[in-house]
Amino acid sequence: MLNTLIIGASLKEERYSNMAIRRLRASNFPVLAIGRTSGFVEDVEIKREPIIDVEVHTVSLYLNKIAQEIYYDYIINLKPKRIIFNPGTENPVLAKLCNEASIEVLHACTLVMLSTKNYH
């Protein structure tokens, strides 16, 4: 299994990004995480800076479209297979850039995908 990168990760347990990290790990998916505050969610280290030199299968976004802007080039250069725009993160500009770079764009919820066994 290849890495899932959570962008917008939070240490707060009530945040959906935190729940996604925990659920992904419970399903044995490898997870990388970037957030505003560094620390750990279970065995996953949240870093404050972009993580380089890694293979990423899925980017799962938990940032609003304005906060995503600084990550456009980073995400495109990672060349993930897909990007998940979780509810509230929809961004036509980034979606278009991803489509142009042959990155599959999903407007979905990582947590729902996991609970319905559609996350692979």
PDB file of N, CA and C in Angstrom:
ATOM      1  N   MET A   1       0.832  -1.189   0.000  1.00  0.00           N
ATOM      2  CA  MET A   1       0.000   0.000   0.000  1.00  0.00           C
ATOM      3  C   MET A   1       0.872   1.246   0.000  1.00  0.00           C
ATOM      4  N   LEU A   2       0.461   2.203  -0.785  1.00  0.00           N
ATOM      5  CA  LEU A   2       1.212   3.446  -0.846  1.00  0.00           C
ATOM      6  C   LEU A   2       0.630   4.476   0.114  1.00  0.00           C
ATOM      7  N   ASN A   3       1.413   5.498   0.363  1.00  0.00           N
ATOM      8  CA  ASN A   3       1.079   6.514   1.352  1.00  0.00           C
ATOM      9  C   ASN A   3      -0.142   7.364   0.999  1.00  0.00           C
ATOM     10  N   THR A   4      -0.881   7.704   2.046  1.00  0.00           N
ATOM     11  CA  THR A   4      -1.891   8.751   1.979  1.00  0.00           C
ATOM     12  C   THR A   4      -1.301   9.952   2.693  1.00  0.00           C
ATOM     13  N   LEU A   5      -1.373  11.112   2.057  1.00  0.00           N
ATOM     14  CA  LEU A   5      -0.904  12.350   2.660  1.00  0.00           C
ATOM     15  C   LEU A   5      -2.106  13.186   3.059  1.00  0.00           C
ATOM     16  N   ILE A   6      -2.209  13.465   4.343  1.00  0.00           N
ATOM     17  CA  ILE A   6      -3.250  14.340   4.867  1.00  0.00           C
ATOM     18  C   ILE A   6      -2.669  15.747   4.915  1.00  0.00           C
ATOM     19  N   ILE A   7      -3.286  16.678   4.191  1.00  0.00           N
ATOM     20  CA  ILE A   7      -2.868  18.080   4.257  1.00  0.00           C
ATOM     21  C   ILE A   7      -3.956  18.834   5.001  1.00  0.00           C
ATOM     22  N   GLY A   8      -3.547  19.453   6.116  1.00  0.00           N
ATOM     23  CA  GLY A   8      -4.496  20.120   6.995  1.00  0.00           C
ATOM     24  C   GLY A   8      -4.744  19.273   8.236  1.00  0.00           C
ATOM     25  N   ALA A   9      -3.758  18.457   8.595  1.00  0.00           N
ATOM     26  CA  ALA A   9      -3.873  17.561   9.740  1.00  0.00           C
ATOM     27  C   ALA A   9      -3.935  18.357  11.044  1.00  0.00           C
ATOM     28  N   SER A  10      -4.693  17.824  11.998  1.00  0.00           N
ATOM     29  CA  SER A  10      -4.867  18.482  13.291  1.00  0.00           C
ATOM     30  C   SER A  10      -4.609  17.510  14.425  1.00  0.00           C
ATOM     31  N   LEU A  11      -4.071  18.044  15.520  1.00  0.00           N
ATOM     32  CA  LEU A  11      -3.873  17.254  16.733  1.00  0.00           C
ATOM     33  C   LEU A  11      -5.179  17.110  17.516  1.00  0.00           C
ATOM     34  N   LYS A  12      -6.172  17.925  17.200  1.00  0.00           N
ATOM     35  CA  LYS A  12      -7.442  17.912  17.928  1.00  0.00           C
ATOM     36  C   LYS A  12      -8.287  16.717  17.503  1.00  0.00           C
ATOM     37  N   GLU A  13      -8.642  15.874  18.470  1.00  0.00           N
ATOM     38  CA  GLU A  13      -9.345  14.628  18.176  1.00  0.00           C
ATOM     39  C   GLU A  13     -10.704  14.821  17.527  1.00  0.00           C
ATOM     40  N   GLU A  14     -11.341  15.971  17.738  1.00  0.00           N
ATOM     41  CA  GLU A  14     -12.668  16.200  17.164  1.00  0.00           C
ATOM     42  C   GLU A  14     -12.617  16.647  15.701  1.00  0.00           C
ATOM     43  N   ARG A  15     -11.444  16.916  15.188  1.00  0.00           N
ATOM     44  CA  ARG A  15     -11.298  17.347  13.793  1.00  0.00           C
ATOM     45  C   ARG A  15     -11.332  16.140  12.865  1.00  0.00           C
ATOM     46  N   TYR A  16     -11.965  16.341  11.709  1.00  0.00           N
ATOM     47  CA  TYR A  16     -12.099  15.238  10.751  1.00  0.00           C
ATOM     48  C   TYR A  16     -10.748  14.753  10.242  1.00  0.00           C
ATOM     49  N   SER A  17      -9.791  15.648  10.092  1.00  0.00           N
ATOM     50  CA  SER A  17      -8.465  15.211   9.638  1.00  0.00           C
ATOM     51  C   SER A  17      -7.834  14.259  10.642  1.00  0.00           C
ATOM     52  N   ASN A  18      -8.014  14.524  11.917  1.00  0.00           N
ATOM     53  CA  ASN A  18      -7.491  13.666  12.970  1.00  0.00           C
ATOM     54  C   ASN A  18      -8.197  12.316  12.932  1.00  0.00           C
ATOM     55  N   MET A  19      -9.527  12.349  12.773  1.00  0.00           N
ATOM     56  CA  MET A  19     -10.287  11.100  12.675  1.00  0.00           C
ATOM     57  C   MET A  19      -9.832  10.281  11.470  1.00  0.00           C
ATOM     58  N   ALA A  20      -9.555  10.972  10.363  1.00  0.00           N
ATOM     59  CA  ALA A  20      -9.113  10.273   9.155  1.00  0.00           C
ATOM     60  C   ALA A  20      -7.768   9.592   9.386  1.00  0.00           C
ATOM     61  N   ILE A  21      -6.850  10.273  10.037  1.00  0.00           N
ATOM     62  CA  ILE A  21      -5.554   9.663  10.330  1.00  0.00           C
ATOM     63  C   ILE A  21      -5.756   8.399  11.146  1.00  0.00           C
ATOM     64  N   ARG A  22      -6.546   8.494  12.210  1.00  0.00           N
ATOM     65  CA  ARG A  22      -6.763   7.344  13.084  1.00  0.00           C
ATOM     66  C   ARG A  22      -7.454   6.189  12.354  1.00  0.00           C
ATOM     67  N   ARG A  23      -8.450   6.505  11.536  1.00  0.00           N
ATOM     68  CA  ARG A  23      -9.172   5.459  10.798  1.00  0.00           C
ATOM     69  C   ARG A  23      -8.294   4.820   9.727  1.00  0.00           C
ATOM     70  N   LEU A  24      -7.501   5.638   9.037  1.00  0.00           N
ATOM     71  CA  LEU A  24      -6.576   5.081   8.045  1.00  0.00           C
ATOM     72  C   LEU A  24      -5.584   4.136   8.713  1.00  0.00           C
ATOM     73  N   ARG A  25      -5.018   4.552   9.835  1.00  0.00           N
ATOM     74  CA  ARG A  25      -4.050   3.712  10.535  1.00  0.00           C
ATOM     75  C   ARG A  25      -4.714   2.433  11.057  1.00  0.00           C
ATOM     76  N   ALA A  26      -5.970   2.547  11.537  1.00  0.00           N
ATOM     77  CA  ALA A  26      -6.691   1.368  12.024  1.00  0.00           C
ATOM     78  C   ALA A  26      -6.921   0.357  10.900  1.00  0.00           C
ATOM     79  N   SER A  27      -6.959   0.870   9.661  1.00  0.00           N
ATOM     80  CA  SER A  27      -7.116   0.012   8.486  1.00  0.00           C
ATOM     81  C   SER A  27      -5.771  -0.335   7.853  1.00  0.00           C
ATOM     82  N   ASN A  28      -4.696  -0.006   8.557  1.00  0.00           N
ATOM     83  CA  ASN A  28      -3.319  -0.322   8.143  1.00  0.00           C
ATOM     84  C   ASN A  28      -2.839   0.419   6.906  1.00  0.00           C
ATOM     85  N   PHE A  29      -3.432   1.576   6.612  1.00  0.00           N
ATOM     86  CA  PHE A  29      -2.914   2.407   5.529  1.00  0.00           C
ATOM     87  C   PHE A  29      -1.774   3.259   6.067  1.00  0.00           C
ATOM     88  N   PRO A  30      -0.661   3.348   5.341  1.00  0.00           N
ATOM     89  CA  PRO A  30       0.412   4.246   5.762  1.00  0.00           C
ATOM     90  C   PRO A  30      -0.011   5.703   5.537  1.00  0.00           C
ATOM     91  N   VAL A  31       0.303   6.549   6.518  1.00  0.00           N
ATOM     92  CA  VAL A  31      -0.152   7.933   6.482  1.00  0.00           C
ATOM     93  C   VAL A  31       1.005   8.884   6.743  1.00  0.00           C
ATOM     94  N   LEU A  32       1.032   9.956   5.959  1.00  0.00           N
ATOM     95  CA  LEU A  32       1.902  11.104   6.190  1.00  0.00           C
ATOM     96  C   LEU A  32       0.985  12.279   6.464  1.00  0.00           C
ATOM     97  N   ALA A  33       1.464  13.280   7.205  1.00  0.00           N
ATOM     98  CA  ALA A  33       0.578  14.378   7.566  1.00  0.00           C
ATOM     99  C   ALA A  33       1.317  15.706   7.647  1.00  0.00           C
ATOM    100  N   ILE A  34       0.634  16.736   7.145  1.00  0.00           N
ATOM    101  CA  ILE A  34       1.127  18.110   7.224  1.00  0.00           C
ATOM    102  C   ILE A  34       0.032  18.938   7.895  1.00  0.00           C
ATOM    103  N   GLY A  35       0.434  19.754   8.864  1.00  0.00           N
ATOM    104  CA  GLY A  35      -0.523  20.613   9.555  1.00  0.00           C
ATOM    105  C   GLY A  35       0.145  21.863  10.086  1.00  0.00           C
ATOM    106  N   ARG A  36      -0.644  22.693  10.736  1.00  0.00           N
ATOM    107  CA  ARG A  36      -0.118  23.948  11.302  1.00  0.00           C
ATOM    108  C   ARG A  36       0.691  23.723  12.566  1.00  0.00           C
ATOM    109  N   THR A  37       0.376  22.642  13.287  1.00  0.00           N
ATOM    110  CA  THR A  37       1.042  22.336  14.544  1.00  0.00           C
ATOM    111  C   THR A  37       1.673  20.959  14.442  1.00  0.00           C
ATOM    112  N   SER A  38       2.943  20.869  14.795  1.00  0.00           N
ATOM    113  CA  SER A  38       3.612  19.578  14.750  1.00  0.00           C
ATOM    114  C   SER A  38       3.265  18.764  15.994  1.00  0.00           C
ATOM    115  N   GLY A  39       3.362  17.463  15.853  1.00  0.00           N
ATOM    116  CA  GLY A  39       3.065  16.554  16.945  1.00  0.00           C
ATOM    117  C   GLY A  39       2.716  15.193  16.375  1.00  0.00           C
ATOM    118  N   PHE A  40       2.080  14.367  17.181  1.00  0.00           N
ATOM    119  CA  PHE A  40       1.752  13.017  16.750  1.00  0.00           C
ATOM    120  C   PHE A  40       0.274  12.716  16.944  1.00  0.00           C
ATOM    121  N   VAL A  41      -0.297  12.007  15.988  1.00  0.00           N
ATOM    122  CA  VAL A  41      -1.604  11.378  16.114  1.00  0.00           C
ATOM    123  C   VAL A  41      -1.304   9.890  15.991  1.00  0.00           C
ATOM    124  N   GLU A  42      -1.422   9.201  17.092  1.00  0.00           N
ATOM    125  CA  GLU A  42      -0.986   7.819  17.180  1.00  0.00           C
ATOM    126  C   GLU A  42       0.471   7.734  16.715  1.00  0.00           C
ATOM    127  N   ASP A  43       0.768   6.930  15.710  1.00  0.00           N
ATOM    128  CA  ASP A  43       2.163   6.799  15.268  1.00  0.00           C
ATOM    129  C   ASP A  43       2.494   7.706  14.080  1.00  0.00           C
ATOM    130  N   VAL A  44       1.593   8.625  13.742  1.00  0.00           N
ATOM    131  CA  VAL A  44       1.787   9.494  12.581  1.00  0.00           C
ATOM    132  C   VAL A  44       2.273  10.862  13.046  1.00  0.00           C
ATOM    133  N   GLU A  45       3.429  11.254  12.534  1.00  0.00           N
ATOM    134  CA  GLU A  45       3.958  12.570  12.871  1.00  0.00           C
ATOM    135  C   GLU A  45       3.364  13.622  11.941  1.00  0.00           C
ATOM    136  N   ILE A  46       2.803  14.662  12.533  1.00  0.00           N
ATOM    137  CA  ILE A  46       2.336  15.810  11.749  1.00  0.00           C
ATOM    138  C   ILE A  46       3.507  16.767  11.631  1.00  0.00           C
ATOM    139  N   LYS A  47       3.866  17.061  10.394  1.00  0.00           N
ATOM    140  CA  LYS A  47       4.970  17.991  10.131  1.00  0.00           C
ATOM    141  C   LYS A  47       4.407  19.320   9.685  1.00  0.00           C
ATOM    142  N   ARG A  48       5.160  20.366   9.914  1.00  0.00           N
ATOM    143  CA  ARG A  48       4.704  21.706   9.532  1.00  0.00           C
ATOM    144  C   ARG A  48       5.145  22.084   8.120  1.00  0.00           C
ATOM    145  N   GLU A  49       6.127  21.397   7.595  1.00  0.00           N
ATOM    146  CA  GLU A  49       6.661  21.697   6.268  1.00  0.00           C
ATOM    147  C   GLU A  49       6.306  20.577   5.304  1.00  0.00           C
ATOM    148  N   PRO A  50       6.252  20.882   4.012  1.00  0.00           N
ATOM    149  CA  PRO A  50       6.000  19.820   3.023  1.00  0.00           C
ATOM    150  C   PRO A  50       7.006  18.677   3.164  1.00  0.00           C
ATOM    151  N   ILE A  51       6.509  17.487   2.965  1.00  0.00           N
ATOM    152  CA  ILE A  51       7.326  16.280   3.050  1.00  0.00           C
ATOM    153  C   ILE A  51       7.787  15.951   1.635  1.00  0.00           C
ATOM    154  N   ILE A  52       9.090  15.865   1.452  1.00  0.00           N
ATOM    155  CA  ILE A  52       9.619  15.644   0.106  1.00  0.00           C
ATOM    156  C   ILE A  52      10.219  14.245  -0.010  1.00  0.00           C
ATOM    157  N   ASP A  53      10.476  13.858  -1.246  1.00  0.00           N
ATOM    158  CA  ASP A  53      11.100  12.575  -1.552  1.00  0.00           C
ATOM    159  C   ASP A  53      10.302  11.387  -1.012  1.00  0.00           C
ATOM    160  N   VAL A  54       8.982  11.447  -1.189  1.00  0.00           N
ATOM    161  CA  VAL A  54       8.123  10.330  -0.799  1.00  0.00           C
ATOM    162  C   VAL A  54       7.174  10.008  -1.939  1.00  0.00           C
ATOM    163  N   GLU A  55       6.753   8.756  -1.984  1.00  0.00           N
ATOM    164  CA  GLU A  55       5.719   8.363  -2.936  1.00  0.00           C
ATOM    165  C   GLU A  55       4.373   8.522  -2.256  1.00  0.00           C
ATOM    166  N   VAL A  56       3.474   9.223  -2.920  1.00  0.00           N
ATOM    167  CA  VAL A  56       2.146   9.440  -2.365  1.00  0.00           C
ATOM    168  C   VAL A  56       1.114   8.929  -3.355  1.00  0.00           C
ATOM    169  N   HIS A  57       0.251   8.048  -2.888  1.00  0.00           N
ATOM    170  CA  HIS A  57      -0.836   7.541  -3.720  1.00  0.00           C
ATOM    171  C   HIS A  57      -2.018   8.499  -3.688  1.00  0.00           C
ATOM    172  N   THR A  58      -2.390   8.963  -2.480  1.00  0.00           N
ATOM    173  CA  THR A  58      -3.576   9.784  -2.294  1.00  0.00           C
ATOM    174  C   THR A  58      -3.244  11.001  -1.449  1.00  0.00           C
ATOM    175  N   VAL A  59      -3.709  12.162  -1.897  1.00  0.00           N
ATOM    176  CA  VAL A  59      -3.697  13.368  -1.074  1.00  0.00           C
ATOM    177  C   VAL A  59      -5.127  13.581  -0.609  1.00  0.00           C
ATOM    178  N   SER A  60      -5.305  13.705   0.692  1.00  0.00           N
ATOM    179  CA  SER A  60      -6.624  13.961   1.272  1.00  0.00           C
ATOM    180  C   SER A  60      -6.581  15.342   1.914  1.00  0.00           C
ATOM    181  N   LEU A  61      -7.395  16.263   1.371  1.00  0.00           N
ATOM    182  CA  LEU A  61      -7.347  17.662   1.797  1.00  0.00           C
ATOM    183  C   LEU A  61      -8.325  17.970   2.917  1.00  0.00           C
ATOM    184  N   TYR A  62      -7.817  18.743   3.883  1.00  0.00           N
ATOM    185  CA  TYR A  62      -8.639  19.253   4.984  1.00  0.00           C
ATOM    186  C   TYR A  62      -8.332  20.729   5.202  1.00  0.00           C
ATOM    187  N   LEU A  63      -8.174  21.457   4.110  1.00  0.00           N
ATOM    188  CA  LEU A  63      -7.930  22.905   4.147  1.00  0.00           C
ATOM    189  C   LEU A  63      -8.917  23.582   3.216  1.00  0.00           C
ATOM    190  N   ASN A  64      -9.332  24.804   3.558  1.00  0.00           N
ATOM    191  CA  ASN A  64     -10.197  25.539   2.633  1.00  0.00           C
ATOM    192  C   ASN A  64      -9.394  25.964   1.411  1.00  0.00           C
ATOM    193  N   LYS A  65     -10.098  26.383   0.367  1.00  0.00           N
ATOM    194  CA  LYS A  65      -9.416  26.634  -0.913  1.00  0.00           C
ATOM    195  C   LYS A  65      -8.372  27.736  -0.837  1.00  0.00           C
ATOM    196  N   ILE A  66      -8.546  28.724   0.014  1.00  0.00           N
ATOM    197  CA  ILE A  66      -7.536  29.790   0.131  1.00  0.00           C
ATOM    198  C   ILE A  66      -6.263  29.237   0.769  1.00  0.00           C
ATOM    199  N   ALA A  67      -6.418  28.443   1.810  1.00  0.00           N
ATOM    200  CA  ALA A  67      -5.251  27.853   2.487  1.00  0.00           C
ATOM    201  C   ALA A  67      -4.535  26.825   1.610  1.00  0.00           C
ATOM    202  N   GLN A  68      -5.217  26.287   0.607  1.00  0.00           N
ATOM    203  CA  GLN A  68      -4.607  25.300  -0.294  1.00  0.00           C
ATOM    204  C   GLN A  68      -3.612  25.917  -1.270  1.00  0.00           C
ATOM    205  N   GLU A  69      -3.760  27.200  -1.555  1.00  0.00           N
ATOM    206  CA  GLU A  69      -2.977  27.834  -2.627  1.00  0.00           C
ATOM    207  C   GLU A  69      -1.478  27.602  -2.499  1.00  0.00           C
ATOM    208  N   ILE A  70      -0.940  27.641  -1.294  1.00  0.00           N
ATOM    209  CA  ILE A  70       0.512  27.454  -1.124  1.00  0.00           C
ATOM    210  C   ILE A  70       0.957  26.024  -1.434  1.00  0.00           C
ATOM    211  N   TYR A  71       0.006  25.105  -1.547  1.00  0.00           N
ATOM    212  CA  TYR A  71       0.326  23.699  -1.808  1.00  0.00           C
ATOM    213  C   TYR A  71       0.126  23.276  -3.258  1.00  0.00           C
ATOM    214  N   TYR A  72      -0.355  24.152  -4.125  1.00  0.00           N
ATOM    215  CA  TYR A  72      -0.644  23.756  -5.509  1.00  0.00           C
ATOM    216  C   TYR A  72       0.543  23.063  -6.170  1.00  0.00           C
ATOM    217  N   ASP A  73       1.678  23.746  -6.248  1.00  0.00           N
ATOM    218  CA  ASP A  73       2.854  23.172  -6.914  1.00  0.00           C
ATOM    219  C   ASP A  73       3.327  21.907  -6.201  1.00  0.00           C
ATOM    220  N   TYR A  74       3.303  21.940  -4.890  1.00  0.00           N
ATOM    221  CA  TYR A  74       3.726  20.783  -4.099  1.00  0.00           C
ATOM    222  C   TYR A  74       2.902  19.552  -4.460  1.00  0.00           C
ATOM    223  N   ILE A  75       1.586  19.703  -4.466  1.00  0.00           N
ATOM    224  CA  ILE A  75       0.707  18.575  -4.772  1.00  0.00           C
ATOM    225  C   ILE A  75       0.943  18.069  -6.191  1.00  0.00           C
ATOM    226  N   ILE A  76       1.004  18.969  -7.151  1.00  0.00           N
ATOM    227  CA  ILE A  76       1.219  18.566  -8.547  1.00  0.00           C
ATOM    228  C   ILE A  76       2.557  17.849  -8.699  1.00  0.00           C
ATOM    229  N   ASN A  77       3.588  18.359  -8.042  1.00  0.00           N
ATOM    230  CA  ASN A  77       4.917  17.753  -8.152  1.00  0.00           C
ATOM    231  C   ASN A  77       5.027  16.407  -7.447  1.00  0.00           C
ATOM    232  N   LEU A  78       4.164  16.146  -6.471  1.00  0.00           N
ATOM    233  CA  LEU A  78       4.153  14.831  -5.818  1.00  0.00           C
ATOM    234  C   LEU A  78       3.679  13.741  -6.777  1.00  0.00           C
ATOM    235  N   LYS A  79       2.860  14.140  -7.754  1.00  0.00           N
ATOM    236  CA  LYS A  79       2.291  13.208  -8.725  1.00  0.00           C
ATOM    237  C   LYS A  79       1.509  12.068  -8.056  1.00  0.00           C
ATOM    238  N   PRO A  80       0.581  12.422  -7.154  1.00  0.00           N
ATOM    239  CA  PRO A  80      -0.227  11.357  -6.566  1.00  0.00           C
ATOM    240  C   PRO A  80      -1.168  10.771  -7.603  1.00  0.00           C
ATOM    241  N   LYS A  81      -1.680   9.583  -7.333  1.00  0.00           N
ATOM    242  CA  LYS A  81      -2.662   8.977  -8.237  1.00  0.00           C
ATOM    243  C   LYS A  81      -3.989   9.720  -8.133  1.00  0.00           C
ATOM    244  N   ARG A  82      -4.329  10.161  -6.909  1.00  0.00           N
ATOM    245  CA  ARG A  82      -5.609  10.857  -6.734  1.00  0.00           C
ATOM    246  C   ARG A  82      -5.519  11.889  -5.621  1.00  0.00           C
ATOM    247  N   ILE A  83      -6.492  12.795  -5.648  1.00  0.00           N
ATOM    248  CA  ILE A  83      -6.661  13.787  -4.596  1.00  0.00           C
ATOM    249  C   ILE A  83      -8.122  13.742  -4.168  1.00  0.00           C
ATOM    250  N   ILE A  84      -8.334  13.768  -2.862  1.00  0.00           N
ATOM    251  CA  ILE A  84      -9.691  13.762  -2.317  1.00  0.00           C
ATOM    252  C   ILE A  84      -9.978  15.141  -1.748  1.00  0.00           C
ATOM    253  N   PHE A  85     -10.978  15.803  -2.325  1.00  0.00           N
ATOM    254  CA  PHE A  85     -11.470  17.060  -1.789  1.00  0.00           C
ATOM    255  C   PHE A  85     -12.588  16.701  -0.809  1.00  0.00           C
ATOM    256  N   ASN A  86     -12.252  16.670   0.478  1.00  0.00           N
ATOM    257  CA  ASN A  86     -13.247  16.367   1.500  1.00  0.00           C
ATOM    258  C   ASN A  86     -14.249  17.515   1.580  1.00  0.00           C
ATOM    259  N   PRO A  87     -15.451  17.291   2.144  1.00  0.00           N
ATOM    260  CA  PRO A  87     -16.461  18.349   2.219  1.00  0.00           C
ATOM    261  C   PRO A  87     -15.895  19.641   2.815  1.00  0.00           C
ATOM    262  N   GLY A  88     -16.159  20.746   2.120  1.00  0.00           N
ATOM    263  CA  GLY A  88     -15.665  22.050   2.557  1.00  0.00           C
ATOM    264  C   GLY A  88     -14.327  22.441   1.967  1.00  0.00           C
ATOM    265  N   THR A  89     -13.711  21.526   1.207  1.00  0.00           N
ATOM    266  CA  THR A  89     -12.392  21.820   0.626  1.00  0.00           C
ATOM    267  C   THR A  89     -12.452  21.984  -0.892  1.00  0.00           C
ATOM    268  N   GLU A  90     -13.647  21.985  -1.451  1.00  0.00           N
ATOM    269  CA  GLU A  90     -13.801  22.056  -2.900  1.00  0.00           C
ATOM    270  C   GLU A  90     -13.042  23.261  -3.454  1.00  0.00           C
ATOM    271  N   ASN A  91     -12.367  23.037  -4.587  1.00  0.00           N
ATOM    272  CA  ASN A  91     -11.538  24.087  -5.169  1.00  0.00           C
ATOM    273  C   ASN A  91     -11.408  23.834  -6.675  1.00  0.00           C
ATOM    274  N   PRO A  92     -12.198  24.537  -7.491  1.00  0.00           N
ATOM    275  CA  PRO A  92     -12.151  24.313  -8.941  1.00  0.00           C
ATOM    276  C   PRO A  92     -10.774  24.577  -9.559  1.00  0.00           C
ATOM    277  N   VAL A  93     -10.032  25.531  -9.022  1.00  0.00           N
ATOM    278  CA  VAL A  93      -8.710  25.850  -9.578  1.00  0.00           C
ATOM    279  C   VAL A  93      -7.756  24.679  -9.380  1.00  0.00           C
ATOM    280  N   LEU A  94      -7.667  24.174  -8.154  1.00  0.00           N
ATOM    281  CA  LEU A  94      -6.772  23.044  -7.891  1.00  0.00           C
ATOM    282  C   LEU A  94      -7.263  21.788  -8.599  1.00  0.00           C
ATOM    283  N   ALA A  95      -8.571  21.588  -8.646  1.00  0.00           N
ATOM    284  CA  ALA A  95      -9.119  20.420  -9.348  1.00  0.00           C
ATOM    285  C   ALA A  95      -8.715  20.442 -10.818  1.00  0.00           C
ATOM    286  N   LYS A  96      -8.785  21.615 -11.439  1.00  0.00           N
ATOM    287  CA  LYS A  96      -8.389  21.752 -12.849  1.00  0.00           C
ATOM    288  C   LYS A  96      -6.903  21.451 -13.029  1.00  0.00           C
ATOM    289  N   LEU A  97      -6.065  21.989 -12.143  1.00  0.00           N
ATOM    290  CA  LEU A  97      -4.625  21.718 -12.211  1.00  0.00           C
ATOM    291  C   LEU A  97      -4.344  20.223 -12.072  1.00  0.00           C
ATOM    292  N   CYS A  98      -5.060  19.582 -11.172  1.00  0.00           N
ATOM    293  CA  CYS A  98      -4.870  18.139 -10.972  1.00  0.00           C
ATOM    294  C   CYS A  98      -5.325  17.354 -12.201  1.00  0.00           C
ATOM    295  N   ASN A  99      -6.465  17.705 -12.753  1.00  0.00           N
ATOM    296  CA  ASN A  99      -6.941  17.043 -13.976  1.00  0.00           C
ATOM    297  C   ASN A  99      -5.921  17.173 -15.095  1.00  0.00           C
ATOM    298  N   GLU A 100      -5.368  18.372 -15.255  1.00  0.00           N
ATOM    299  CA  GLU A 100      -4.367  18.614 -16.305  1.00  0.00           C
ATOM    300  C   GLU A 100      -3.103  17.805 -16.079  1.00  0.00           C
ATOM    301  N   ALA A 101      -2.822  17.465 -14.817  1.00  0.00           N
ATOM    302  CA  ALA A 101      -1.627  16.679 -14.479  1.00  0.00           C
ATOM    303  C   ALA A 101      -1.947  15.179 -14.384  1.00  0.00           C
ATOM    304  N   SER A 102      -3.131  14.789 -14.854  1.00  0.00           N
ATOM    305  CA  SER A 102      -3.573  13.388 -14.841  1.00  0.00           C
ATOM    306  C   SER A 102      -3.683  12.802 -13.429  1.00  0.00           C
ATOM    307  N   ILE A 103      -4.074  13.639 -12.479  1.00  0.00           N
ATOM    308  CA  ILE A 103      -4.333  13.206 -11.113  1.00  0.00           C
ATOM    309  C   ILE A 103      -5.844  13.073 -10.974  1.00  0.00           C
ATOM    310  N   GLU A 104      -6.307  11.904 -10.558  1.00  0.00           N
ATOM    311  CA  GLU A 104      -7.737  11.683 -10.382  1.00  0.00           C
ATOM    312  C   GLU A 104      -8.270  12.598  -9.285  1.00  0.00           C
ATOM    313  N   VAL A 105      -9.372  13.266  -9.561  1.00  0.00           N
ATOM    314  CA  VAL A 105      -9.991  14.185  -8.616  1.00  0.00           C
ATOM    315  C   VAL A 105     -11.272  13.560  -8.080  1.00  0.00           C
ATOM    316  N   LEU A 106     -11.352  13.457  -6.749  1.00  0.00           N
ATOM    317  CA  LEU A 106     -12.552  12.941  -6.104  1.00  0.00           C
ATOM    318  C   LEU A 106     -13.122  14.004  -5.162  1.00  0.00           C
ATOM    319  N   HIS A 107     -14.383  14.280  -5.302  1.00  0.00           N
ATOM    320  CA  HIS A 107     -15.088  15.106  -4.327  1.00  0.00           C
ATOM    321  C   HIS A 107     -15.829  14.112  -3.449  1.00  0.00           C
ATOM    322  N   ALA A 108     -15.211  13.766  -2.337  1.00  0.00           N
ATOM    323  CA  ALA A 108     -15.702  12.679  -1.505  1.00  0.00           C
ATOM    324  C   ALA A 108     -15.280  12.945  -0.065  1.00  0.00           C
ATOM    325  N   CYS A 109     -15.552  11.985   0.780  1.00  0.00           N
ATOM    326  CA  CYS A 109     -15.158  12.064   2.181  1.00  0.00           C
ATOM    327  C   CYS A 109     -14.325  10.832   2.512  1.00  0.00           C
ATOM    328  N   THR A 110     -13.108  11.066   2.924  1.00  0.00           N
ATOM    329  CA  THR A 110     -12.209   9.967   3.262  1.00  0.00           C
ATOM    330  C   THR A 110     -12.844   9.050   4.307  1.00  0.00           C
ATOM    331  N   LEU A 111     -13.477   9.627   5.323  1.00  0.00           N
ATOM    332  CA  LEU A 111     -14.094   8.825   6.381  1.00  0.00           C
ATOM    333  C   LEU A 111     -15.218   7.948   5.846  1.00  0.00           C
ATOM    334  N   VAL A 112     -16.040   8.486   4.963  1.00  0.00           N
ATOM    335  CA  VAL A 112     -17.119   7.696   4.370  1.00  0.00           C
ATOM    336  C   VAL A 112     -16.538   6.604   3.478  1.00  0.00           C
ATOM    337  N   MET A 113     -15.534   6.944   2.700  1.00  0.00           N
ATOM    338  CA  MET A 113     -14.898   5.947   1.844  1.00  0.00           C
ATOM    339  C   MET A 113     -14.361   4.780   2.678  1.00  0.00           C
ATOM    340  N   LEU A 114     -13.755   5.092   3.812  1.00  0.00           N
ATOM    341  CA  LEU A 114     -13.237   4.044   4.691  1.00  0.00           C
ATOM    342  C   LEU A 114     -14.366   3.206   5.286  1.00  0.00           C
ATOM    343  N   SER A 115     -15.428   3.863   5.731  1.00  0.00           N
ATOM    344  CA  SER A 115     -16.511   3.126   6.400  1.00  0.00           C
ATOM    345  C   SER A 115     -17.304   2.257   5.432  1.00  0.00           C
ATOM    346  N   THR A 116     -17.314   2.637   4.147  1.00  0.00           N
ATOM    347  CA  THR A 116     -18.030   1.835   3.158  1.00  0.00           C
ATOM    348  C   THR A 116     -17.094   0.900   2.395  1.00  0.00           C
ATOM    349  N   LYS A 117     -15.869   0.812   2.856  1.00  0.00           N
ATOM    350  CA  LYS A 117     -14.850  -0.065   2.249  1.00  0.00           C
ATOM    351  C   LYS A 117     -14.551   0.312   0.792  1.00  0.00           C
ATOM    352  N   ASN A 118     -14.687   1.607   0.467  1.00  0.00           N
ATOM    353  CA  ASN A 118     -14.374   2.104  -0.873  1.00  0.00           C
ATOM    354  C   ASN A 118     -13.047   2.846  -0.926  1.00  0.00           C
ATOM    355  N   TYR A 119     -12.263   2.763   0.134  1.00  0.00           N
ATOM    356  CA  TYR A 119     -10.950   3.389   0.143  1.00  0.00           C
ATOM    357  C   TYR A 119      -9.920   2.329  -0.190  1.00  0.00           C
ATOM    358  N   HIS A 120      -9.253   2.497  -1.315  1.00  0.00           N
ATOM    359  CA  HIS A 120      -8.242   1.526  -1.729  1.00  0.00           C
ATOM    360  C   HIS A 120      -7.159   2.230  -2.490  1.00  0.00           C
TER     361      HIS A 120
END
